[in-house]
Amino acid sequence: MLTKSLFAGAALGLSLSSAVAHEAPVVEGNEPQTVYEAVLQDKDNTTVRGTFTTQGAEDGIGIQFRVALTGVPKDTFLNYHIHDNPVPKDGNCYATGGHLDPYKRGDQPPCNTTVPQTCQVGDISGKHGPVWTADGNFEVLYRDFFLSNVEDTIAFFGNRSVVVHLPDNKRINCGNFHLVSDGEEKKKKKKKEEAKEDQGC
């Protein structure tokens, strides 16, 4: 009996430590002025179009998202994720690999929105809710605390893709993130304004 209890306790401990190991840390130090955007393709097999626009939060903690979609099928839930690989030139959404998952969490169990740190980093609809709309248009703003816009960091997404899925996981559209602005122009403008203020202009 004692042996069984010890075994059960050890198994529980391993399970808990495994769960903790898969938790994503909150990302600090993101670039507030850096903007990445992904634009969905014009594909014949779907009406879904749209953009995923991101910017580092002002305090550098996490990433601000604006998701704007049109042509969403009525009464249909759509999921969307950041995938490991970019979309190739032929536009094949199935060539983007799996979800961005640097902490090796895996697809199962499904993401729980109440504990987003336990979800795959790339499962953004799992963390923030799926697409659903009555009129075909969808827009949502949110902050994701577990992604990075700083290159060479484990949760960096700027060289990856976003893929939109039907409820049966069929991939219907996708697009690559690309750098829109690294904030250098804004930084230069701010420095000029500060210089004018210092000169009393």
N, C-alpha and C. Protein backbone atom coordinates (compact mmCIF):
# COMPACT_ATOMS: atom_id res chain seq x y z
N MET A 1 0.84 -1.20 0.00
CA MET A 1 0.00 0.00 0.00
C MET A 1 0.88 1.25 0.00
N LEU A 2 1.92 1.20 0.85
CA LEU A 2 2.84 2.34 0.93
C LEU A 2 3.54 2.55 -0.40
N THR A 3 3.90 1.43 -1.04
CA THR A 3 4.58 1.52 -2.34
C THR A 3 3.69 2.18 -3.38
N LYS A 4 2.39 1.79 -3.38
CA LYS A 4 1.43 2.38 -4.32
C LYS A 4 1.29 3.87 -4.07
N SER A 5 1.23 4.26 -2.80
CA SER A 5 1.08 5.67 -2.46
C SER A 5 2.30 6.48 -2.92
N LEU A 6 3.48 5.89 -2.70
CA LEU A 6 4.69 6.57 -3.12
C LEU A 6 4.74 6.72 -4.64
N PHE A 7 4.32 5.65 -5.35
CA PHE A 7 4.32 5.67 -6.81
C PHE A 7 3.35 6.73 -7.32
N ALA A 8 2.15 6.76 -6.70
CA ALA A 8 1.14 7.74 -7.12
C ALA A 8 1.63 9.16 -6.88
N GLY A 9 2.28 9.35 -5.73
CA GLY A 9 2.81 10.68 -5.42
C GLY A 9 3.89 11.11 -6.39
N ALA A 10 4.75 10.17 -6.74
CA ALA A 10 5.82 10.47 -7.69
C ALA A 10 5.26 10.80 -9.07
N ALA A 11 4.24 10.04 -9.48
CA ALA A 11 3.61 10.28 -10.78
C ALA A 11 2.96 11.65 -10.82
N LEU A 12 2.29 12.01 -9.72
CA LEU A 12 1.65 13.33 -9.64
C LEU A 12 2.70 14.43 -9.70
N GLY A 13 3.80 14.21 -8.99
CA GLY A 13 4.88 15.20 -9.00
C GLY A 13 5.45 15.40 -10.39
N LEU A 14 5.65 14.30 -11.12
CA LEU A 14 6.16 14.40 -12.48
C LEU A 14 5.18 15.12 -13.38
N SER A 15 3.88 14.84 -13.20
CA SER A 15 2.85 15.48 -14.01
C SER A 15 2.84 16.98 -13.78
N LEU A 16 2.92 17.38 -12.50
CA LEU A 16 2.90 18.80 -12.17
C LEU A 16 4.15 19.51 -12.68
N SER A 17 5.30 18.85 -12.52
CA SER A 17 6.54 19.48 -12.99
C SER A 17 6.54 19.61 -14.50
N SER A 18 5.94 18.63 -15.19
CA SER A 18 5.84 18.68 -16.64
C SER A 18 4.97 19.84 -17.08
N ALA A 19 3.84 20.03 -16.36
CA ALA A 19 2.92 21.12 -16.70
C ALA A 19 3.61 22.46 -16.52
N VAL A 20 4.36 22.59 -15.41
CA VAL A 20 5.07 23.84 -15.15
C VAL A 20 6.12 24.09 -16.23
N ALA A 21 6.81 23.02 -16.65
CA ALA A 21 7.86 23.15 -17.65
C ALA A 21 7.31 23.68 -18.97
N HIS A 22 6.05 23.37 -19.28
CA HIS A 22 5.46 23.79 -20.54
C HIS A 22 4.89 25.19 -20.47
N GLU A 23 4.83 25.81 -19.30
CA GLU A 23 4.26 27.15 -19.20
C GLU A 23 5.16 28.18 -19.87
N ALA A 24 4.53 29.05 -20.64
CA ALA A 24 5.28 30.11 -21.32
C ALA A 24 5.46 31.30 -20.40
N PRO A 25 6.65 31.87 -20.33
CA PRO A 25 6.85 33.05 -19.50
C PRO A 25 6.32 34.30 -20.20
N VAL A 26 5.94 35.29 -19.41
CA VAL A 26 5.56 36.59 -19.96
C VAL A 26 6.80 37.21 -20.60
N VAL A 27 6.64 37.71 -21.83
CA VAL A 27 7.77 38.27 -22.57
C VAL A 27 7.89 39.77 -22.31
N GLU A 28 9.04 40.18 -21.82
CA GLU A 28 9.35 41.59 -21.62
C GLU A 28 10.41 42.02 -22.63
N GLY A 29 10.56 43.32 -22.80
CA GLY A 29 11.61 43.83 -23.69
C GLY A 29 11.25 43.85 -25.16
N ASN A 30 9.94 43.75 -25.49
CA ASN A 30 9.54 43.88 -26.89
C ASN A 30 9.73 45.31 -27.37
N GLU A 31 9.90 45.47 -28.68
CA GLU A 31 10.11 46.79 -29.27
C GLU A 31 8.76 47.47 -29.49
N PRO A 32 8.45 48.54 -28.75
CA PRO A 32 7.12 49.17 -28.82
C PRO A 32 6.77 49.74 -30.20
N GLN A 33 7.76 50.18 -30.95
CA GLN A 33 7.48 50.81 -32.24
C GLN A 33 7.58 49.84 -33.42
N THR A 34 7.91 48.60 -33.16
CA THR A 34 8.07 47.63 -34.24
C THR A 34 6.72 47.02 -34.63
N VAL A 35 6.41 47.11 -35.93
CA VAL A 35 5.13 46.61 -36.44
C VAL A 35 5.38 45.48 -37.43
N TYR A 36 4.75 44.35 -37.18
CA TYR A 36 4.72 43.23 -38.13
C TYR A 36 3.28 43.00 -38.55
N GLU A 37 3.10 42.62 -39.82
CA GLU A 37 1.74 42.38 -40.32
C GLU A 37 1.73 41.16 -41.24
N ALA A 38 0.65 40.40 -41.17
CA ALA A 38 0.43 39.28 -42.08
C ALA A 38 -0.87 39.53 -42.84
N VAL A 39 -0.83 39.36 -44.15
CA VAL A 39 -2.00 39.55 -45.00
C VAL A 39 -2.38 38.20 -45.61
N LEU A 40 -3.64 37.83 -45.45
CA LEU A 40 -4.10 36.56 -46.02
C LEU A 40 -4.12 36.63 -47.54
N GLN A 41 -3.98 35.49 -48.19
CA GLN A 41 -3.91 35.41 -49.64
C GLN A 41 -5.28 35.55 -50.29
N ASP A 42 -5.26 35.89 -51.58
CA ASP A 42 -6.47 35.85 -52.40
C ASP A 42 -6.57 34.44 -52.98
N LYS A 43 -7.37 33.61 -52.33
CA LYS A 43 -7.47 32.20 -52.73
C LYS A 43 -8.86 31.91 -53.28
N ASP A 44 -8.93 30.98 -54.24
CA ASP A 44 -10.20 30.63 -54.87
C ASP A 44 -11.09 29.75 -54.00
N ASN A 45 -10.49 29.05 -53.03
CA ASN A 45 -11.25 28.07 -52.26
C ASN A 45 -11.89 28.65 -51.00
N THR A 46 -11.75 29.96 -50.77
CA THR A 46 -12.33 30.57 -49.57
C THR A 46 -12.60 32.05 -49.80
N THR A 47 -13.59 32.57 -49.08
CA THR A 47 -13.89 34.01 -49.14
C THR A 47 -13.18 34.77 -48.03
N VAL A 48 -12.53 34.06 -47.13
CA VAL A 48 -11.90 34.70 -45.97
C VAL A 48 -10.66 35.48 -46.41
N ARG A 49 -10.66 36.77 -46.07
CA ARG A 49 -9.52 37.66 -46.32
C ARG A 49 -9.25 38.45 -45.05
N GLY A 50 -8.09 39.07 -44.97
CA GLY A 50 -7.87 39.91 -43.80
C GLY A 50 -6.42 40.13 -43.47
N THR A 51 -6.21 40.85 -42.37
CA THR A 51 -4.87 41.20 -41.91
C THR A 51 -4.73 40.94 -40.42
N PHE A 52 -3.52 40.62 -40.04
CA PHE A 52 -3.13 40.45 -38.63
C PHE A 52 -2.01 41.46 -38.38
N THR A 53 -2.32 42.53 -37.70
CA THR A 53 -1.36 43.60 -37.46
C THR A 53 -0.90 43.56 -36.01
N THR A 54 0.40 43.63 -35.80
CA THR A 54 0.95 43.52 -34.45
C THR A 54 1.92 44.66 -34.16
N GLN A 55 2.00 45.02 -32.90
CA GLN A 55 2.96 46.03 -32.46
C GLN A 55 3.33 45.75 -31.02
N GLY A 56 4.59 45.98 -30.69
CA GLY A 56 5.01 45.80 -29.31
C GLY A 56 4.24 46.73 -28.39
N ALA A 57 3.86 46.24 -27.23
CA ALA A 57 3.15 47.08 -26.26
C ALA A 57 4.05 48.21 -25.79
N GLU A 58 3.43 49.31 -25.38
CA GLU A 58 4.20 50.50 -24.97
C GLU A 58 5.19 50.20 -23.85
N ASP A 59 4.79 49.32 -22.93
CA ASP A 59 5.68 48.99 -21.81
C ASP A 59 6.63 47.84 -22.15
N GLY A 60 6.56 47.36 -23.40
CA GLY A 60 7.45 46.29 -23.84
C GLY A 60 7.03 44.90 -23.41
N ILE A 61 5.90 44.82 -22.71
CA ILE A 61 5.43 43.51 -22.22
C ILE A 61 4.36 42.98 -23.16
N GLY A 62 4.70 41.95 -23.92
CA GLY A 62 3.74 41.35 -24.83
C GLY A 62 3.60 42.11 -26.14
N ILE A 63 2.62 41.64 -26.94
CA ILE A 63 2.38 42.16 -28.28
C ILE A 63 0.91 42.54 -28.43
N GLN A 64 0.66 43.73 -28.98
CA GLN A 64 -0.70 44.15 -29.29
C GLN A 64 -1.10 43.59 -30.65
N PHE A 65 -2.30 42.99 -30.72
CA PHE A 65 -2.82 42.43 -31.97
C PHE A 65 -4.07 43.18 -32.41
N ARG A 66 -4.18 43.37 -33.72
CA ARG A 66 -5.44 43.77 -34.34
C ARG A 66 -5.71 42.77 -35.46
N VAL A 67 -6.78 42.00 -35.30
CA VAL A 67 -7.18 41.01 -36.30
C VAL A 67 -8.43 41.52 -37.00
N ALA A 68 -8.37 41.68 -38.31
CA ALA A 68 -9.50 42.19 -39.09
C ALA A 68 -9.75 41.25 -40.28
N LEU A 69 -10.90 40.58 -40.27
CA LEU A 69 -11.22 39.61 -41.32
C LEU A 69 -12.54 39.95 -41.99
N THR A 70 -12.65 39.60 -43.27
CA THR A 70 -13.91 39.72 -44.01
C THR A 70 -14.20 38.38 -44.68
N GLY A 71 -15.44 38.22 -45.14
CA GLY A 71 -15.81 37.00 -45.84
C GLY A 71 -15.88 35.77 -44.98
N VAL A 72 -16.07 35.97 -43.67
CA VAL A 72 -16.15 34.83 -42.75
C VAL A 72 -17.48 34.11 -42.96
N PRO A 73 -17.47 32.79 -43.18
CA PRO A 73 -18.73 32.05 -43.38
C PRO A 73 -19.68 32.22 -42.19
N LYS A 74 -20.95 32.36 -42.48
CA LYS A 74 -21.96 32.57 -41.44
C LYS A 74 -22.04 31.35 -40.52
N ASP A 75 -22.16 31.64 -39.23
CA ASP A 75 -22.33 30.61 -38.20
C ASP A 75 -21.21 29.57 -38.20
N THR A 76 -20.02 30.00 -38.54
CA THR A 76 -18.87 29.10 -38.54
C THR A 76 -17.77 29.66 -37.65
N PHE A 77 -17.25 28.84 -36.77
CA PHE A 77 -16.12 29.24 -35.95
C PHE A 77 -14.82 28.96 -36.72
N LEU A 78 -13.93 29.92 -36.71
CA LEU A 78 -12.62 29.73 -37.33
C LEU A 78 -11.53 29.88 -36.27
N ASN A 79 -10.55 29.04 -36.34
CA ASN A 79 -9.39 29.16 -35.47
C ASN A 79 -8.21 29.69 -36.28
N TYR A 80 -7.25 30.29 -35.61
CA TYR A 80 -6.07 30.78 -36.31
C TYR A 80 -4.86 30.67 -35.38
N HIS A 81 -3.74 30.34 -35.98
CA HIS A 81 -2.53 30.08 -35.21
C HIS A 81 -1.31 30.62 -35.93
N ILE A 82 -0.28 30.92 -35.17
CA ILE A 82 1.02 31.22 -35.76
C ILE A 82 1.74 29.88 -35.95
N HIS A 83 2.19 29.65 -37.19
CA HIS A 83 2.86 28.39 -37.52
C HIS A 83 4.37 28.61 -37.65
N ASP A 84 5.10 27.52 -37.47
CA ASP A 84 6.57 27.57 -37.43
C ASP A 84 7.20 28.12 -38.70
N ASN A 85 6.69 27.69 -39.84
CA ASN A 85 7.35 28.01 -41.11
C ASN A 85 6.58 29.05 -41.90
N PRO A 86 7.26 29.83 -42.73
CA PRO A 86 6.55 30.77 -43.60
C PRO A 86 5.82 30.04 -44.73
N VAL A 87 4.86 30.73 -45.33
CA VAL A 87 4.14 30.19 -46.48
C VAL A 87 5.08 30.23 -47.69
N PRO A 88 5.23 29.12 -48.41
CA PRO A 88 6.11 29.13 -49.58
C PRO A 88 5.50 29.93 -50.74
N LYS A 89 6.27 30.10 -51.79
CA LYS A 89 5.82 30.90 -52.93
C LYS A 89 4.57 30.35 -53.59
N ASP A 90 4.37 29.03 -53.50
CA ASP A 90 3.19 28.44 -54.14
C ASP A 90 1.92 28.63 -53.31
N GLY A 91 2.03 29.25 -52.12
CA GLY A 91 0.86 29.56 -51.31
C GLY A 91 0.27 28.40 -50.55
N ASN A 92 1.00 27.29 -50.44
CA ASN A 92 0.49 26.09 -49.78
C ASN A 92 0.48 26.27 -48.26
N CYS A 93 -0.72 26.38 -47.68
CA CYS A 93 -0.84 26.59 -46.24
C CYS A 93 -0.42 25.35 -45.44
N TYR A 94 -0.42 24.20 -46.08
CA TYR A 94 -0.03 22.97 -45.39
C TYR A 94 1.49 22.81 -45.28
N ALA A 95 2.22 23.70 -45.93
CA ALA A 95 3.68 23.63 -45.87
C ALA A 95 4.26 24.48 -44.74
N THR A 96 3.38 25.02 -43.89
CA THR A 96 3.83 25.92 -42.82
C THR A 96 4.20 25.18 -41.54
N GLY A 97 4.10 23.87 -41.55
CA GLY A 97 4.45 23.09 -40.36
C GLY A 97 3.42 23.21 -39.27
N GLY A 98 3.84 22.92 -38.05
CA GLY A 98 2.93 22.96 -36.90
C GLY A 98 2.90 24.33 -36.26
N HIS A 99 2.19 24.41 -35.13
CA HIS A 99 2.09 25.67 -34.40
C HIS A 99 3.43 26.05 -33.78
N LEU A 100 3.65 27.34 -33.64
CA LEU A 100 4.81 27.82 -32.89
C LEU A 100 4.69 27.32 -31.46
N ASP A 101 5.60 26.46 -31.05
CA ASP A 101 5.49 25.78 -29.75
C ASP A 101 6.88 25.59 -29.15
N PRO A 102 7.57 26.68 -28.81
CA PRO A 102 8.96 26.56 -28.35
C PRO A 102 9.14 25.81 -27.04
N TYR A 103 8.06 25.69 -26.26
CA TYR A 103 8.18 25.01 -24.96
C TYR A 103 7.65 23.57 -25.01
N LYS A 104 7.39 23.08 -26.25
CA LYS A 104 7.03 21.67 -26.50
C LYS A 104 5.79 21.25 -25.70
N ARG A 105 4.79 22.08 -25.71
CA ARG A 105 3.56 21.79 -24.99
C ARG A 105 2.71 20.74 -25.71
N GLY A 106 2.67 20.81 -27.05
CA GLY A 106 1.87 19.88 -27.83
C GLY A 106 0.44 20.38 -28.02
N ASP A 107 -0.30 19.71 -28.91
CA ASP A 107 -1.67 20.12 -29.23
C ASP A 107 -2.69 19.73 -28.17
N GLN A 108 -2.41 18.70 -27.41
CA GLN A 108 -3.37 18.18 -26.43
C GLN A 108 -2.83 18.32 -25.02
N PRO A 109 -3.72 18.60 -24.06
CA PRO A 109 -5.15 18.89 -24.21
C PRO A 109 -5.37 20.25 -24.86
N PRO A 110 -6.62 20.54 -25.30
CA PRO A 110 -6.89 21.83 -25.94
C PRO A 110 -6.55 23.00 -25.02
N CYS A 111 -6.22 24.11 -25.63
CA CYS A 111 -5.88 25.33 -24.89
C CYS A 111 -7.05 25.79 -24.03
N ASN A 112 -6.75 26.21 -22.81
CA ASN A 112 -7.74 26.76 -21.88
C ASN A 112 -7.52 28.26 -21.79
N THR A 113 -8.50 29.06 -22.23
CA THR A 113 -8.33 30.51 -22.28
C THR A 113 -8.10 31.13 -20.91
N THR A 114 -8.48 30.44 -19.85
CA THR A 114 -8.31 31.01 -18.51
C THR A 114 -6.88 30.88 -18.00
N VAL A 115 -6.10 30.03 -18.64
CA VAL A 115 -4.68 29.88 -18.27
C VAL A 115 -3.83 29.92 -19.55
N PRO A 116 -3.76 31.07 -20.21
CA PRO A 116 -3.10 31.16 -21.52
C PRO A 116 -1.62 30.81 -21.49
N GLN A 117 -0.99 30.94 -20.33
CA GLN A 117 0.44 30.60 -20.23
C GLN A 117 0.69 29.11 -20.43
N THR A 118 -0.36 28.30 -20.31
CA THR A 118 -0.21 26.85 -20.50
C THR A 118 -0.48 26.42 -21.94
N CYS A 119 -0.85 27.36 -22.80
CA CYS A 119 -1.17 27.05 -24.20
C CYS A 119 0.08 27.12 -25.06
N GLN A 120 0.00 26.55 -26.25
CA GLN A 120 1.08 26.75 -27.21
C GLN A 120 1.21 28.24 -27.49
N VAL A 121 2.42 28.72 -27.60
CA VAL A 121 2.64 30.14 -27.84
C VAL A 121 1.93 30.61 -29.11
N GLY A 122 1.93 29.77 -30.14
CA GLY A 122 1.31 30.14 -31.41
C GLY A 122 -0.19 29.96 -31.49
N ASP A 123 -0.80 29.39 -30.46
CA ASP A 123 -2.26 29.16 -30.49
C ASP A 123 -2.99 30.43 -30.05
N ILE A 124 -2.99 31.43 -30.92
CA ILE A 124 -3.54 32.73 -30.51
C ILE A 124 -5.07 32.73 -30.43
N SER A 125 -5.76 31.97 -31.27
CA SER A 125 -7.22 31.91 -31.11
C SER A 125 -7.59 31.06 -29.91
N GLY A 126 -6.75 30.10 -29.56
CA GLY A 126 -6.99 29.32 -28.35
C GLY A 126 -6.90 30.19 -27.12
N LYS A 127 -5.96 31.13 -27.12
CA LYS A 127 -5.77 32.01 -25.97
C LYS A 127 -6.77 33.16 -25.94
N HIS A 128 -7.19 33.64 -27.13
CA HIS A 128 -7.99 34.87 -27.18
C HIS A 128 -9.37 34.70 -27.81
N GLY A 129 -9.71 33.48 -28.18
CA GLY A 129 -11.04 33.21 -28.71
C GLY A 129 -11.05 33.06 -30.22
N PRO A 130 -11.94 32.21 -30.75
CA PRO A 130 -12.01 31.97 -32.19
C PRO A 130 -12.73 33.10 -32.92
N VAL A 131 -12.70 33.02 -34.23
CA VAL A 131 -13.43 33.97 -35.08
C VAL A 131 -14.88 33.50 -35.19
N TRP A 132 -15.80 34.43 -34.96
CA TRP A 132 -17.22 34.16 -35.22
C TRP A 132 -17.89 35.49 -35.49
N THR A 133 -18.77 35.52 -36.49
CA THR A 133 -19.47 36.75 -36.82
C THR A 133 -20.78 36.43 -37.51
N ALA A 134 -21.76 37.30 -37.35
CA ALA A 134 -23.06 37.11 -37.98
C ALA A 134 -23.13 37.76 -39.36
N ASP A 135 -22.24 38.73 -39.62
CA ASP A 135 -22.33 39.48 -40.88
C ASP A 135 -21.12 39.29 -41.79
N GLY A 136 -20.24 38.37 -41.46
CA GLY A 136 -19.08 38.10 -42.31
C GLY A 136 -17.85 38.92 -42.00
N ASN A 137 -18.01 39.94 -41.16
CA ASN A 137 -16.87 40.80 -40.80
C ASN A 137 -16.49 40.58 -39.34
N PHE A 138 -15.20 40.55 -39.09
CA PHE A 138 -14.72 40.27 -37.73
C PHE A 138 -13.52 41.16 -37.43
N GLU A 139 -13.52 41.75 -36.25
CA GLU A 139 -12.36 42.54 -35.82
C GLU A 139 -12.21 42.41 -34.32
N VAL A 140 -10.98 42.26 -33.87
CA VAL A 140 -10.72 42.13 -32.43
C VAL A 140 -9.34 42.71 -32.12
N LEU A 141 -9.23 43.30 -30.94
CA LEU A 141 -7.97 43.83 -30.44
C LEU A 141 -7.63 43.12 -29.13
N TYR A 142 -6.39 42.76 -28.95
CA TYR A 142 -5.99 42.16 -27.67
C TYR A 142 -4.48 42.23 -27.52
N ARG A 143 -4.01 41.95 -26.31
CA ARG A 143 -2.57 41.85 -26.07
C ARG A 143 -2.22 40.41 -25.72
N ASP A 144 -1.23 39.89 -26.41
CA ASP A 144 -0.71 38.55 -26.10
C ASP A 144 0.60 38.74 -25.34
N PHE A 145 0.70 38.12 -24.17
CA PHE A 145 1.84 38.34 -23.29
C PHE A 145 3.00 37.37 -23.52
N PHE A 146 2.86 36.46 -24.49
CA PHE A 146 3.83 35.37 -24.59
C PHE A 146 4.58 35.32 -25.91
N LEU A 147 4.39 36.33 -26.75
CA LEU A 147 5.07 36.40 -28.04
C LEU A 147 6.12 37.52 -28.04
N SER A 148 7.08 37.41 -28.95
CA SER A 148 8.17 38.38 -29.01
C SER A 148 8.34 38.92 -30.43
N ASN A 149 8.63 40.23 -30.52
CA ASN A 149 8.97 40.81 -31.82
C ASN A 149 10.46 41.13 -31.92
N VAL A 150 11.24 40.52 -31.04
CA VAL A 150 12.70 40.69 -31.03
C VAL A 150 13.34 39.46 -31.67
N GLU A 151 14.08 39.68 -32.74
CA GLU A 151 14.71 38.56 -33.45
C GLU A 151 15.64 37.76 -32.55
N ASP A 152 15.76 36.48 -32.87
CA ASP A 152 16.66 35.56 -32.16
C ASP A 152 16.21 35.27 -30.73
N THR A 153 14.94 35.52 -30.44
CA THR A 153 14.37 35.10 -29.16
C THR A 153 13.45 33.91 -29.42
N ILE A 154 13.23 33.11 -28.40
CA ILE A 154 12.54 31.82 -28.59
C ILE A 154 11.09 31.97 -29.03
N ALA A 155 10.44 33.08 -28.69
CA ALA A 155 9.03 33.27 -29.03
C ALA A 155 8.84 34.28 -30.16
N PHE A 156 9.90 34.53 -30.95
CA PHE A 156 9.83 35.48 -32.07
C PHE A 156 8.94 34.92 -33.17
N PHE A 157 8.06 35.78 -33.71
CA PHE A 157 7.11 35.32 -34.73
C PHE A 157 7.26 36.05 -36.06
N GLY A 158 8.15 37.04 -36.15
CA GLY A 158 8.22 37.90 -37.32
C GLY A 158 8.64 37.21 -38.60
N ASN A 159 9.23 36.04 -38.53
CA ASN A 159 9.64 35.29 -39.72
C ASN A 159 8.76 34.06 -39.94
N ARG A 160 7.56 34.09 -39.36
CA ARG A 160 6.67 32.93 -39.44
C ARG A 160 5.36 33.31 -40.14
N SER A 161 4.37 32.45 -40.04
CA SER A 161 3.10 32.67 -40.75
C SER A 161 1.92 32.53 -39.81
N VAL A 162 0.78 33.02 -40.27
CA VAL A 162 -0.48 32.79 -39.57
C VAL A 162 -1.38 31.98 -40.49
N VAL A 163 -2.07 31.00 -39.93
CA VAL A 163 -2.92 30.10 -40.71
C VAL A 163 -4.32 30.09 -40.11
N VAL A 164 -5.34 30.21 -40.98
CA VAL A 164 -6.74 30.18 -40.55
C VAL A 164 -7.31 28.80 -40.84
N HIS A 165 -8.01 28.24 -39.85
CA HIS A 165 -8.54 26.87 -39.94
C HIS A 165 -10.06 26.85 -39.81
N LEU A 166 -10.69 25.89 -40.49
CA LEU A 166 -12.08 25.55 -40.22
C LEU A 166 -12.14 24.71 -38.94
N PRO A 167 -13.35 24.49 -38.39
CA PRO A 167 -13.45 23.68 -37.16
C PRO A 167 -12.86 22.28 -37.29
N ASP A 168 -12.83 21.73 -38.51
CA ASP A 168 -12.26 20.39 -38.70
C ASP A 168 -10.74 20.43 -38.94
N ASN A 169 -10.14 21.61 -38.69
CA ASN A 169 -8.70 21.85 -38.84
C ASN A 169 -8.22 22.00 -40.28
N LYS A 170 -9.14 21.99 -41.24
CA LYS A 170 -8.74 22.25 -42.63
C LYS A 170 -8.18 23.66 -42.72
N ARG A 171 -7.05 23.80 -43.37
CA ARG A 171 -6.39 25.09 -43.51
C ARG A 171 -6.94 25.81 -44.75
N ILE A 172 -7.59 26.95 -44.53
CA ILE A 172 -8.26 27.60 -45.66
C ILE A 172 -7.54 28.85 -46.16
N ASN A 173 -6.71 29.47 -45.32
CA ASN A 173 -5.96 30.63 -45.79
C ASN A 173 -4.77 30.86 -44.86
N CYS A 174 -3.82 31.64 -45.36
CA CYS A 174 -2.61 31.86 -44.58
C CYS A 174 -1.85 33.06 -45.15
N GLY A 175 -0.91 33.55 -44.39
CA GLY A 175 -0.09 34.66 -44.85
C GLY A 175 1.15 34.79 -43.99
N ASN A 176 2.19 35.37 -44.55
CA ASN A 176 3.45 35.54 -43.83
C ASN A 176 3.50 36.88 -43.10
N PHE A 177 4.08 36.87 -41.92
CA PHE A 177 4.36 38.13 -41.24
C PHE A 177 5.53 38.82 -41.94
N HIS A 178 5.42 40.12 -42.09
CA HIS A 178 6.52 40.90 -42.64
C HIS A 178 6.67 42.19 -41.84
N LEU A 179 7.86 42.72 -41.84
CA LEU A 179 8.15 43.92 -41.07
C LEU A 179 7.59 45.14 -41.80
N VAL A 180 6.72 45.87 -41.13
CA VAL A 180 6.14 47.10 -41.69
C VAL A 180 6.95 48.31 -41.24
N SER A 181 7.31 48.32 -39.97
CA SER A 181 8.08 49.44 -39.42
C SER A 181 8.88 48.96 -38.22
N ASP A 182 10.14 49.39 -38.18
CA ASP A 182 10.96 49.06 -37.01
C ASP A 182 11.05 50.24 -36.04
N GLY A 183 10.28 51.30 -36.35
CA GLY A 183 10.19 52.43 -35.43
C GLY A 183 11.32 53.43 -35.55
N GLU A 184 12.26 53.21 -36.48
CA GLU A 184 13.41 54.12 -36.58
C GLU A 184 12.99 55.53 -36.98
N GLU A 185 12.02 55.63 -37.91
CA GLU A 185 11.57 56.95 -38.34
C GLU A 185 10.92 57.71 -37.18
N LYS A 186 10.12 56.98 -36.38
CA LYS A 186 9.48 57.60 -35.23
C LYS A 186 10.52 58.05 -34.21
N LYS A 187 11.56 57.23 -34.04
CA LYS A 187 12.62 57.58 -33.09
C LYS A 187 13.36 58.84 -33.54
N LYS A 188 13.65 58.92 -34.85
CA LYS A 188 14.34 60.09 -35.39
C LYS A 188 13.48 61.35 -35.23
N LYS A 189 12.18 61.21 -35.51
CA LYS A 189 11.26 62.34 -35.38
C LYS A 189 11.20 62.82 -33.94
N LYS A 190 11.15 61.86 -33.02
CA LYS A 190 11.09 62.20 -31.60
C LYS A 190 12.36 62.93 -31.16
N LYS A 191 13.52 62.48 -31.64
CA LYS A 191 14.79 63.12 -31.30
C LYS A 191 14.83 64.55 -31.82
N LYS A 192 14.31 64.77 -33.05
CA LYS A 192 14.28 66.11 -33.62
C LYS A 192 13.39 67.03 -32.79
N GLU A 193 12.23 66.50 -32.37
CA GLU A 193 11.31 67.29 -31.55
C GLU A 193 11.94 67.65 -30.21
N GLU A 194 12.65 66.68 -29.62
CA GLU A 194 13.31 66.93 -28.34
C GLU A 194 14.43 67.95 -28.49
N ALA A 195 15.14 67.89 -29.63
CA ALA A 195 16.22 68.84 -29.88
C ALA A 195 15.67 70.26 -30.02
N LYS A 196 14.52 70.40 -30.70
CA LYS A 196 13.89 71.71 -30.85
C LYS A 196 13.46 72.26 -29.50
N GLU A 197 12.92 71.38 -28.66
CA GLU A 197 12.49 71.81 -27.33
C GLU A 197 13.69 72.28 -26.50
N ASP A 198 14.81 71.57 -26.63
CA ASP A 198 16.03 71.95 -25.90
C ASP A 198 16.55 73.31 -26.35
N GLN A 199 16.31 73.62 -27.64
CA GLN A 199 16.78 74.89 -28.19
C GLN A 199 15.78 76.02 -27.97
N GLY A 200 14.64 75.66 -27.36
CA GLY A 200 13.62 76.66 -27.08
C GLY A 200 12.81 77.07 -28.28
N CYS A 201 12.76 76.20 -29.30
CA CYS A 201 12.00 76.51 -30.51
C CYS A 201 10.51 76.27 -30.29
